[in-house]
C-alpha cells in the first residue's frame, strides 16, 4: 500500500502502526482518520499485541479511506455512519481482490 494519496487535491499520509493511540478509557481501534492533520493510521496488531492478518489490515485501511472520502466530499452524516463505512470498505476490498479495480 502507498504511504500517501490525494483525494481531489487533498493529500493524506498513511501510517501503519502497531496500535493506534487512543485516549485512556477508549476502546482499541483498528484505524483512525485525522481529517485535520490529513493522516490515516492503521493498526497492524490487535489489542493483545498479536499480528493482524493482511486481510484485517487491508479492510481497516479501506475503512479509514472511506472516512477520508466521505469527509472530503462533505458527506458528514455518512462519515459518521460506521456500518456504511465498513460496508463500503469491504466492497472496495472485494472488488479490488477480483481485479475489477
N, C-alpha and C. Protein backbone atom coordinates (compact mmCIF):
# COMPACT_ATOMS: atom_id res chain seq x y z
N UNK A 1 0.84 -1.19 0.00
CA UNK A 1 0.00 0.00 0.00
C UNK A 1 0.89 1.25 0.00
N UNK A 2 0.39 2.29 -0.59
CA UNK A 2 1.13 3.55 -0.67
C UNK A 2 1.12 4.25 0.68
N UNK A 3 2.10 5.12 0.87
CA UNK A 3 2.20 5.85 2.13
C UNK A 3 1.50 7.21 2.06
N UNK A 4 1.02 7.59 0.87
CA UNK A 4 0.23 8.82 0.74
C UNK A 4 -0.62 8.73 -0.52
N UNK A 5 -1.65 9.55 -0.55
CA UNK A 5 -2.55 9.61 -1.70
C UNK A 5 -3.26 10.95 -1.68
N UNK A 6 -3.93 11.27 -2.78
CA UNK A 6 -4.63 12.54 -2.89
C UNK A 6 -6.10 12.28 -3.24
N UNK A 7 -6.99 12.99 -2.57
CA UNK A 7 -8.41 12.98 -2.90
C UNK A 7 -8.74 14.37 -3.42
N UNK A 8 -8.84 14.51 -4.73
CA UNK A 8 -9.14 15.78 -5.37
C UNK A 8 -8.27 16.92 -4.83
N UNK A 9 -6.98 16.67 -4.73
CA UNK A 9 -6.04 17.71 -4.34
C UNK A 9 -5.71 17.76 -2.86
N UNK A 10 -6.42 17.01 -2.03
CA UNK A 10 -6.11 16.96 -0.60
C UNK A 10 -5.27 15.73 -0.33
N UNK A 11 -4.04 15.95 0.12
CA UNK A 11 -3.10 14.85 0.32
C UNK A 11 -3.23 14.30 1.75
N UNK A 12 -3.35 12.99 1.82
CA UNK A 12 -3.38 12.25 3.09
C UNK A 12 -2.13 11.38 3.18
N UNK A 13 -1.59 11.26 4.38
CA UNK A 13 -0.50 10.34 4.65
C UNK A 13 -1.08 9.10 5.33
N UNK A 14 -0.48 7.95 5.09
CA UNK A 14 -0.91 6.70 5.71
C UNK A 14 0.23 6.17 6.55
N UNK A 15 -0.08 5.83 7.80
CA UNK A 15 0.90 5.26 8.71
C UNK A 15 0.38 3.92 9.19
N UNK A 16 1.24 2.92 9.11
CA UNK A 16 0.93 1.61 9.68
C UNK A 16 1.68 1.52 11.00
N UNK A 17 0.93 1.39 12.08
CA UNK A 17 1.50 1.40 13.43
C UNK A 17 1.09 0.11 14.15
N UNK A 18 1.86 -0.24 15.19
CA UNK A 18 1.48 -1.42 15.96
C UNK A 18 0.05 -1.29 16.46
N UNK A 19 -0.22 -0.19 17.15
CA UNK A 19 -1.57 0.09 17.65
C UNK A 19 -1.84 1.57 17.52
N UNK A 20 -3.04 1.90 17.10
CA UNK A 20 -3.46 3.30 17.04
C UNK A 20 -3.59 3.81 18.46
N UNK A 21 -2.98 4.95 18.73
CA UNK A 21 -3.09 5.55 20.06
C UNK A 21 -4.51 6.02 20.30
N UNK A 22 -5.05 5.68 21.46
CA UNK A 22 -6.37 6.14 21.87
C UNK A 22 -6.25 6.74 23.26
N UNK A 23 -7.18 7.62 23.58
CA UNK A 23 -7.19 8.22 24.91
C UNK A 23 -7.51 7.15 25.94
N UNK A 24 -7.01 7.35 27.12
CA UNK A 24 -7.25 6.40 28.20
C UNK A 24 -8.76 6.19 28.39
N UNK A 25 -9.14 4.95 28.52
CA UNK A 25 -10.55 4.62 28.70
C UNK A 25 -11.29 4.37 27.40
N UNK A 26 -10.65 4.69 26.25
CA UNK A 26 -11.26 4.47 24.95
C UNK A 26 -10.93 3.05 24.48
N UNK A 27 -11.84 2.44 23.70
CA UNK A 27 -11.58 1.08 23.23
C UNK A 27 -10.50 1.04 22.15
N UNK A 28 -9.95 -0.16 21.95
CA UNK A 28 -8.99 -0.43 20.88
C UNK A 28 -9.60 -0.02 19.54
N UNK A 29 -8.77 0.47 18.64
CA UNK A 29 -9.23 0.83 17.29
C UNK A 29 -8.33 0.19 16.25
N UNK A 30 -8.96 -0.31 15.19
CA UNK A 30 -8.20 -0.86 14.08
C UNK A 30 -7.58 0.24 13.25
N UNK A 31 -8.17 1.42 13.26
CA UNK A 31 -7.65 2.53 12.49
C UNK A 31 -8.25 3.84 12.96
N UNK A 32 -7.68 4.92 12.45
CA UNK A 32 -8.14 6.27 12.81
C UNK A 32 -7.80 7.20 11.66
N UNK A 33 -8.75 8.08 11.33
CA UNK A 33 -8.52 9.10 10.31
C UNK A 33 -8.57 10.46 10.96
N UNK A 34 -7.48 11.19 10.87
CA UNK A 34 -7.42 12.56 11.38
C UNK A 34 -7.61 13.48 10.18
N UNK A 35 -8.83 14.03 10.06
CA UNK A 35 -9.15 14.85 8.90
C UNK A 35 -8.56 16.26 9.00
N UNK A 36 -8.09 16.64 10.17
CA UNK A 36 -7.42 17.95 10.32
C UNK A 36 -5.96 17.83 9.87
N UNK A 37 -5.26 16.83 10.41
CA UNK A 37 -3.85 16.62 10.06
C UNK A 37 -3.68 15.86 8.75
N UNK A 38 -4.79 15.30 8.24
CA UNK A 38 -4.77 14.54 6.98
C UNK A 38 -3.86 13.31 7.10
N UNK A 39 -4.08 12.56 8.18
CA UNK A 39 -3.29 11.35 8.44
C UNK A 39 -4.24 10.20 8.74
N UNK A 40 -3.97 9.07 8.12
CA UNK A 40 -4.67 7.82 8.42
C UNK A 40 -3.68 6.90 9.11
N UNK A 41 -4.09 6.37 10.25
CA UNK A 41 -3.29 5.38 10.95
C UNK A 41 -4.03 4.05 10.94
N UNK A 42 -3.31 2.98 10.67
CA UNK A 42 -3.88 1.64 10.64
C UNK A 42 -3.07 0.76 11.57
N UNK A 43 -3.77 0.08 12.49
CA UNK A 43 -3.11 -0.84 13.41
C UNK A 43 -2.69 -2.11 12.68
N UNK A 44 -1.51 -2.62 13.04
CA UNK A 44 -1.04 -3.89 12.49
C UNK A 44 -1.08 -5.01 13.52
N UNK A 45 -1.42 -4.63 14.76
CA UNK A 45 -1.53 -5.62 15.84
C UNK A 45 -2.88 -5.46 16.53
N UNK A 46 -3.38 -6.54 17.12
CA UNK A 46 -4.66 -6.46 17.82
C UNK A 46 -4.46 -5.90 19.23
N UNK A 47 -5.52 -5.85 19.99
CA UNK A 47 -5.47 -5.25 21.32
C UNK A 47 -4.55 -6.00 22.28
N UNK A 48 -4.22 -7.25 21.97
CA UNK A 48 -3.30 -8.02 22.82
C UNK A 48 -1.89 -8.06 22.25
N UNK A 49 -1.65 -7.34 21.17
CA UNK A 49 -0.32 -7.26 20.59
C UNK A 49 -0.01 -8.34 19.56
N UNK A 50 -0.99 -9.13 19.18
CA UNK A 50 -0.79 -10.16 18.16
C UNK A 50 -0.94 -9.54 16.77
N UNK A 51 -0.18 -10.06 15.82
CA UNK A 51 -0.26 -9.56 14.44
C UNK A 51 -1.66 -9.75 13.87
N UNK A 52 -2.16 -8.72 13.21
CA UNK A 52 -3.41 -8.84 12.47
C UNK A 52 -3.12 -9.49 11.12
N UNK A 53 -4.13 -10.09 10.52
CA UNK A 53 -3.94 -10.69 9.20
C UNK A 53 -3.86 -9.58 8.15
N UNK A 54 -3.31 -9.93 7.00
CA UNK A 54 -3.24 -8.97 5.90
C UNK A 54 -4.64 -8.49 5.52
N UNK A 55 -5.62 -9.39 5.56
CA UNK A 55 -7.00 -9.02 5.23
C UNK A 55 -7.55 -8.01 6.23
N UNK A 56 -7.31 -8.23 7.52
CA UNK A 56 -7.80 -7.30 8.54
C UNK A 56 -7.16 -5.92 8.36
N UNK A 57 -5.88 -5.90 8.07
CA UNK A 57 -5.18 -4.62 7.87
C UNK A 57 -5.71 -3.91 6.64
N UNK A 58 -5.93 -4.67 5.56
CA UNK A 58 -6.43 -4.07 4.32
C UNK A 58 -7.85 -3.52 4.50
N UNK A 59 -8.72 -4.27 5.16
CA UNK A 59 -10.08 -3.78 5.41
C UNK A 59 -10.03 -2.53 6.28
N UNK A 60 -9.15 -2.52 7.28
CA UNK A 60 -9.01 -1.33 8.13
C UNK A 60 -8.56 -0.13 7.32
N UNK A 61 -7.60 -0.34 6.41
CA UNK A 61 -7.15 0.76 5.56
C UNK A 61 -8.30 1.28 4.71
N UNK A 62 -9.03 0.38 4.05
CA UNK A 62 -10.14 0.82 3.21
C UNK A 62 -11.23 1.50 4.04
N UNK A 63 -11.45 1.03 5.26
CA UNK A 63 -12.43 1.66 6.16
C UNK A 63 -12.02 3.12 6.40
N UNK A 64 -10.77 3.32 6.76
CA UNK A 64 -10.30 4.68 7.03
C UNK A 64 -10.28 5.51 5.75
N UNK A 65 -9.97 4.89 4.63
CA UNK A 65 -10.01 5.58 3.34
C UNK A 65 -11.42 6.09 3.05
N UNK A 66 -12.42 5.28 3.35
CA UNK A 66 -13.82 5.69 3.14
C UNK A 66 -14.17 6.89 4.03
N UNK A 67 -13.66 6.91 5.25
CA UNK A 67 -13.87 8.08 6.11
C UNK A 67 -13.31 9.33 5.44
N UNK A 68 -12.11 9.22 4.88
CA UNK A 68 -11.49 10.38 4.22
C UNK A 68 -12.30 10.80 3.00
N UNK A 69 -12.76 9.83 2.21
CA UNK A 69 -13.55 10.12 1.01
C UNK A 69 -14.84 10.84 1.39
N UNK A 70 -15.57 10.30 2.36
CA UNK A 70 -16.82 10.93 2.78
C UNK A 70 -16.57 12.32 3.35
N UNK A 71 -15.53 12.47 4.17
CA UNK A 71 -15.24 13.78 4.77
C UNK A 71 -14.91 14.81 3.69
N UNK A 72 -14.03 14.44 2.77
CA UNK A 72 -13.61 15.40 1.74
C UNK A 72 -14.76 15.77 0.81
N UNK A 73 -15.74 14.88 0.66
CA UNK A 73 -16.92 15.18 -0.14
C UNK A 73 -18.01 15.88 0.65
N UNK A 74 -17.72 16.15 1.92
CA UNK A 74 -18.67 16.79 2.84
C UNK A 74 -19.91 15.93 3.09
N UNK A 75 -19.76 14.62 2.95
CA UNK A 75 -20.82 13.68 3.32
C UNK A 75 -20.64 13.36 4.80
N UNK A 76 -20.87 14.38 5.62
CA UNK A 76 -20.55 14.27 7.04
C UNK A 76 -21.44 13.27 7.77
N UNK A 77 -22.72 13.20 7.41
CA UNK A 77 -23.59 12.20 8.04
C UNK A 77 -23.14 10.80 7.69
N UNK A 78 -22.79 10.57 6.43
CA UNK A 78 -22.33 9.26 6.00
C UNK A 78 -20.99 8.92 6.65
N UNK A 79 -20.16 9.93 6.86
CA UNK A 79 -18.87 9.73 7.51
C UNK A 79 -19.03 9.18 8.92
N UNK A 80 -20.12 9.52 9.58
CA UNK A 80 -20.39 9.06 10.94
C UNK A 80 -21.14 7.73 10.98
N UNK A 81 -21.56 7.24 9.84
CA UNK A 81 -22.34 6.00 9.74
C UNK A 81 -21.38 4.82 9.62
N UNK A 82 -20.95 4.27 10.76
CA UNK A 82 -19.93 3.21 10.77
C UNK A 82 -20.33 1.97 9.97
N UNK A 83 -21.58 1.50 10.04
CA UNK A 83 -21.93 0.34 9.21
C UNK A 83 -21.77 0.63 7.71
N UNK A 84 -22.15 1.83 7.27
CA UNK A 84 -21.99 2.20 5.86
C UNK A 84 -20.51 2.25 5.48
N UNK A 85 -19.70 2.87 6.33
CA UNK A 85 -18.27 2.98 6.07
C UNK A 85 -17.64 1.58 5.98
N UNK A 86 -17.99 0.70 6.90
CA UNK A 86 -17.44 -0.65 6.90
C UNK A 86 -17.89 -1.42 5.66
N UNK A 87 -19.17 -1.29 5.29
CA UNK A 87 -19.69 -1.97 4.10
C UNK A 87 -18.95 -1.50 2.85
N UNK A 88 -18.77 -0.19 2.71
CA UNK A 88 -18.05 0.34 1.55
C UNK A 88 -16.61 -0.19 1.52
N UNK A 89 -15.96 -0.24 2.67
CA UNK A 89 -14.60 -0.75 2.75
C UNK A 89 -14.52 -2.20 2.29
N UNK A 90 -15.45 -3.02 2.77
CA UNK A 90 -15.44 -4.43 2.39
C UNK A 90 -15.78 -4.62 0.91
N UNK A 91 -16.66 -3.78 0.38
CA UNK A 91 -16.99 -3.85 -1.05
C UNK A 91 -15.79 -3.47 -1.90
N UNK A 92 -15.10 -2.40 -1.54
CA UNK A 92 -13.92 -1.96 -2.30
C UNK A 92 -12.85 -3.04 -2.25
N UNK A 93 -12.63 -3.62 -1.08
CA UNK A 93 -11.63 -4.70 -0.97
C UNK A 93 -12.01 -5.88 -1.85
N UNK A 94 -13.27 -6.26 -1.84
CA UNK A 94 -13.74 -7.39 -2.66
C UNK A 94 -13.54 -7.10 -4.14
N UNK A 95 -13.91 -5.90 -4.57
CA UNK A 95 -13.75 -5.53 -5.98
C UNK A 95 -12.28 -5.50 -6.38
N UNK A 96 -11.44 -5.03 -5.49
CA UNK A 96 -10.00 -4.99 -5.77
C UNK A 96 -9.45 -6.41 -5.85
N UNK A 97 -9.87 -7.25 -4.93
CA UNK A 97 -9.39 -8.64 -4.92
C UNK A 97 -9.79 -9.38 -6.20
N UNK A 98 -10.94 -9.02 -6.76
CA UNK A 98 -11.41 -9.63 -8.00
C UNK A 98 -10.75 -9.02 -9.25
N UNK A 99 -9.96 -7.95 -9.03
CA UNK A 99 -9.28 -7.31 -10.15
C UNK A 99 -10.15 -6.35 -10.93
N UNK A 100 -11.31 -6.02 -10.38
CA UNK A 100 -12.21 -5.08 -11.05
C UNK A 100 -11.68 -3.66 -10.92
N UNK A 101 -11.10 -3.35 -9.77
CA UNK A 101 -10.47 -2.05 -9.58
C UNK A 101 -9.06 -2.25 -9.03
